[in-house]
Amino acid sequence: MNGGKIRISSTRAMDRIEMLKKRLTELENAISETEKRLPAHSIKPPVMHDLLDLEDERDRVLQEIAQSTSGSSRSETPDGE
């Protein structure tokens, strides 16, 4: 029966979205802490590199959340369309 697969896929998608949202919160906290380490003058390259890496990962997570939420409604139809 296809109805069971849709429900399982939907549940997995929701679990994935929740995991991504949790990671997003962690990244936002890490970005905030890293920004606090930035001095007003003479920014250290390693700290700036850390900040840029965190922001890049945050952007990837946001993109994946957007794709997952827009794709989850499509996966609930029998045809996947």
N, C-alpha and C. Protein backbone atom coordinates (compact mmCIF):
# COMPACT_ATOMS: atom_id res chain seq x y z
N MET A 1 0.83 -1.18 0.00
CA MET A 1 0.00 0.00 0.00
C MET A 1 0.87 1.24 0.00
N ASN A 2 0.57 2.14 -0.85
CA ASN A 2 1.38 3.34 -1.02
C ASN A 2 1.19 4.33 0.13
N GLY A 3 0.03 4.30 0.78
CA GLY A 3 -0.24 5.24 1.87
C GLY A 3 0.77 5.13 2.99
N GLY A 4 1.22 3.93 3.31
CA GLY A 4 2.22 3.74 4.35
C GLY A 4 3.55 4.37 3.99
N LYS A 5 3.95 4.23 2.74
CA LYS A 5 5.22 4.81 2.30
C LYS A 5 5.18 6.33 2.39
N ILE A 6 4.05 6.90 2.02
CA ILE A 6 3.93 8.37 2.07
C ILE A 6 4.06 8.84 3.50
N ARG A 7 3.41 8.16 4.43
CA ARG A 7 3.46 8.55 5.83
C ARG A 7 4.88 8.43 6.37
N ILE A 8 5.57 7.33 6.04
CA ILE A 8 6.95 7.13 6.50
C ILE A 8 7.86 8.19 5.90
N SER A 9 7.72 8.45 4.61
CA SER A 9 8.55 9.47 3.96
C SER A 9 8.29 10.83 4.58
N SER A 10 7.05 11.12 4.86
CA SER A 10 6.69 12.40 5.46
C SER A 10 7.30 12.51 6.86
N THR A 11 7.24 11.42 7.63
CA THR A 11 7.81 11.42 8.97
C THR A 11 9.32 11.60 8.90
N ARG A 12 9.97 10.91 7.99
CA ARG A 12 11.42 11.07 7.84
C ARG A 12 11.78 12.48 7.43
N ALA A 13 10.99 13.05 6.54
CA ALA A 13 11.26 14.43 6.10
C ALA A 13 11.11 15.39 7.27
N MET A 14 10.08 15.18 8.08
CA MET A 14 9.87 16.07 9.23
C MET A 14 11.01 15.90 10.24
N ASP A 15 11.47 14.65 10.46
CA ASP A 15 12.60 14.42 11.36
C ASP A 15 13.85 15.12 10.84
N ARG A 16 14.06 15.05 9.54
CA ARG A 16 15.22 15.69 8.92
C ARG A 16 15.14 17.21 9.07
N ILE A 17 13.96 17.77 8.87
CA ILE A 17 13.77 19.21 9.01
C ILE A 17 14.03 19.64 10.46
N GLU A 18 13.54 18.86 11.41
CA GLU A 18 13.77 19.18 12.83
C GLU A 18 15.26 19.13 13.16
N MET A 19 15.95 18.12 12.62
CA MET A 19 17.39 18.01 12.84
C MET A 19 18.12 19.22 12.25
N LEU A 20 17.71 19.63 11.06
CA LEU A 20 18.33 20.78 10.41
C LEU A 20 18.06 22.07 11.20
N LYS A 21 16.85 22.20 11.71
CA LYS A 21 16.52 23.39 12.51
C LYS A 21 17.35 23.43 13.79
N LYS A 22 17.57 22.27 14.39
CA LYS A 22 18.40 22.20 15.59
C LYS A 22 19.84 22.61 15.25
N ARG A 23 20.35 22.10 14.13
CA ARG A 23 21.70 22.46 13.70
C ARG A 23 21.78 23.95 13.39
N LEU A 24 20.72 24.50 12.80
CA LEU A 24 20.69 25.93 12.51
C LEU A 24 20.81 26.75 13.79
N THR A 25 20.10 26.35 14.82
CA THR A 25 20.18 27.04 16.12
C THR A 25 21.61 26.96 16.68
N GLU A 26 22.21 25.78 16.58
CA GLU A 26 23.59 25.62 17.05
C GLU A 26 24.54 26.54 16.28
N LEU A 27 24.35 26.61 14.97
CA LEU A 27 25.21 27.46 14.14
C LEU A 27 25.01 28.93 14.47
N GLU A 28 23.76 29.35 14.67
CA GLU A 28 23.49 30.75 15.02
C GLU A 28 24.17 31.10 16.34
N ASN A 29 24.14 30.19 17.31
CA ASN A 29 24.81 30.43 18.58
C ASN A 29 26.33 30.50 18.40
N ALA A 30 26.87 29.61 17.59
CA ALA A 30 28.32 29.61 17.34
C ALA A 30 28.74 30.87 16.61
N ILE A 31 27.92 31.33 15.66
CA ILE A 31 28.22 32.58 14.94
C ILE A 31 28.23 33.75 15.92
N SER A 32 27.24 33.79 16.78
CA SER A 32 27.16 34.86 17.77
C SER A 32 28.40 34.87 18.68
N GLU A 33 28.80 33.68 19.15
CA GLU A 33 29.98 33.59 20.01
C GLU A 33 31.25 33.98 19.25
N THR A 34 31.36 33.58 18.01
CA THR A 34 32.53 33.92 17.21
C THR A 34 32.59 35.42 16.96
N GLU A 35 31.43 36.03 16.69
CA GLU A 35 31.40 37.49 16.48
C GLU A 35 31.86 38.23 17.73
N LYS A 36 31.57 37.68 18.91
CA LYS A 36 32.01 38.30 20.16
C LYS A 36 33.53 38.24 20.29
N ARG A 37 34.15 37.25 19.64
CA ARG A 37 35.62 37.11 19.70
C ARG A 37 36.32 38.06 18.74
N LEU A 38 35.56 38.68 17.84
CA LEU A 38 36.17 39.61 16.88
C LEU A 38 36.50 40.93 17.58
N PRO A 39 37.73 41.32 17.55
CA PRO A 39 38.07 42.62 18.14
C PRO A 39 37.61 43.75 17.21
N ALA A 40 37.47 44.93 17.79
CA ALA A 40 37.04 46.08 17.00
C ALA A 40 38.10 46.44 15.95
N HIS A 41 39.35 46.18 16.26
CA HIS A 41 40.46 46.49 15.35
C HIS A 41 41.35 45.26 15.23
N SER A 42 42.08 45.18 14.17
CA SER A 42 43.05 44.09 13.96
C SER A 42 42.41 42.71 14.08
N ILE A 43 41.46 42.45 13.23
CA ILE A 43 40.77 41.16 13.22
C ILE A 43 41.76 40.06 12.86
N LYS A 44 41.75 39.00 13.65
CA LYS A 44 42.65 37.87 13.43
C LYS A 44 42.09 36.98 12.31
N PRO A 45 42.91 36.64 11.33
CA PRO A 45 42.44 35.79 10.23
C PRO A 45 41.81 34.46 10.65
N PRO A 46 42.36 33.74 11.64
CA PRO A 46 41.73 32.47 12.02
C PRO A 46 40.29 32.65 12.55
N VAL A 47 40.07 33.73 13.30
CA VAL A 47 38.73 33.97 13.83
C VAL A 47 37.79 34.33 12.69
N MET A 48 38.25 35.13 11.76
CA MET A 48 37.43 35.50 10.61
C MET A 48 37.13 34.27 9.76
N HIS A 49 38.12 33.40 9.61
CA HIS A 49 37.93 32.15 8.86
C HIS A 49 36.86 31.28 9.53
N ASP A 50 36.93 31.17 10.86
CA ASP A 50 35.92 30.41 11.60
C ASP A 50 34.53 30.98 11.35
N LEU A 51 34.42 32.29 11.41
CA LEU A 51 33.13 32.94 11.21
C LEU A 51 32.59 32.67 9.80
N LEU A 52 33.44 32.80 8.82
CA LEU A 52 33.01 32.57 7.44
C LEU A 52 32.59 31.11 7.22
N ASP A 53 33.32 30.18 7.82
CA ASP A 53 32.95 28.76 7.71
C ASP A 53 31.59 28.50 8.34
N LEU A 54 31.35 29.08 9.51
CA LEU A 54 30.07 28.91 10.19
C LEU A 54 28.93 29.51 9.36
N GLU A 55 29.16 30.68 8.80
CA GLU A 55 28.13 31.32 7.99
C GLU A 55 27.84 30.52 6.72
N ASP A 56 28.88 29.94 6.13
CA ASP A 56 28.68 29.10 4.94
C ASP A 56 27.85 27.87 5.28
N GLU A 57 28.15 27.24 6.41
CA GLU A 57 27.38 26.06 6.81
C GLU A 57 25.94 26.45 7.12
N ARG A 58 25.76 27.60 7.79
CA ARG A 58 24.40 28.08 8.07
C ARG A 58 23.61 28.26 6.77
N ASP A 59 24.26 28.85 5.77
CA ASP A 59 23.59 29.06 4.48
C ASP A 59 23.20 27.73 3.84
N ARG A 60 24.07 26.72 3.94
CA ARG A 60 23.76 25.40 3.38
C ARG A 60 22.58 24.76 4.11
N VAL A 61 22.56 24.90 5.44
CA VAL A 61 21.46 24.34 6.22
C VAL A 61 20.15 25.05 5.88
N LEU A 62 20.18 26.37 5.77
CA LEU A 62 18.98 27.11 5.39
C LEU A 62 18.47 26.67 4.02
N GLN A 63 19.39 26.47 3.09
CA GLN A 63 19.00 26.03 1.75
C GLN A 63 18.38 24.63 1.80
N GLU A 64 18.97 23.76 2.59
CA GLU A 64 18.44 22.40 2.69
C GLU A 64 17.06 22.40 3.36
N ILE A 65 16.87 23.25 4.36
CA ILE A 65 15.55 23.37 5.00
C ILE A 65 14.53 23.84 3.97
N ALA A 66 14.89 24.84 3.19
CA ALA A 66 13.97 25.37 2.18
C ALA A 66 13.62 24.29 1.15
N GLN A 67 14.61 23.53 0.72
CA GLN A 67 14.36 22.47 -0.25
C GLN A 67 13.52 21.36 0.36
N SER A 68 13.78 21.03 1.62
CA SER A 68 13.04 19.96 2.29
C SER A 68 11.58 20.35 2.51
N THR A 69 11.35 21.59 2.88
CA THR A 69 9.97 22.01 3.14
C THR A 69 9.19 22.16 1.85
N SER A 70 9.83 22.61 0.79
CA SER A 70 9.11 22.71 -0.49
C SER A 70 8.93 21.34 -1.13
N GLY A 71 9.86 20.44 -0.90
CA GLY A 71 9.77 19.11 -1.48
C GLY A 71 8.90 18.16 -0.68
N SER A 72 8.67 18.44 0.61
CA SER A 72 7.90 17.51 1.42
C SER A 72 6.44 17.46 0.99
N SER A 73 5.89 18.57 0.53
CA SER A 73 4.50 18.55 0.09
C SER A 73 4.36 17.75 -1.20
N ARG A 74 5.40 17.77 -2.04
CA ARG A 74 5.36 17.01 -3.29
C ARG A 74 5.46 15.52 -3.02
N SER A 75 6.22 15.11 -1.99
CA SER A 75 6.43 13.68 -1.74
C SER A 75 5.18 13.03 -1.14
N GLU A 76 4.20 13.81 -0.75
CA GLU A 76 3.00 13.25 -0.15
C GLU A 76 1.97 12.80 -1.19
N THR A 77 2.18 13.13 -2.44
CA THR A 77 1.26 12.68 -3.48
C THR A 77 1.71 11.33 -4.00
N PRO A 78 0.79 10.48 -4.42
CA PRO A 78 1.17 9.14 -4.90
C PRO A 78 2.16 9.17 -6.04
N ASP A 79 2.05 10.14 -6.95
CA ASP A 79 2.94 10.21 -8.10
C ASP A 79 4.28 10.85 -7.76
N GLY A 80 4.37 11.51 -6.58
CA GLY A 80 5.57 12.26 -6.23
C GLY A 80 5.62 13.59 -6.93
N GLU A 81 4.51 14.02 -7.51
CA GLU A 81 4.47 15.30 -8.21
C GLU A 81 3.59 16.27 -7.46
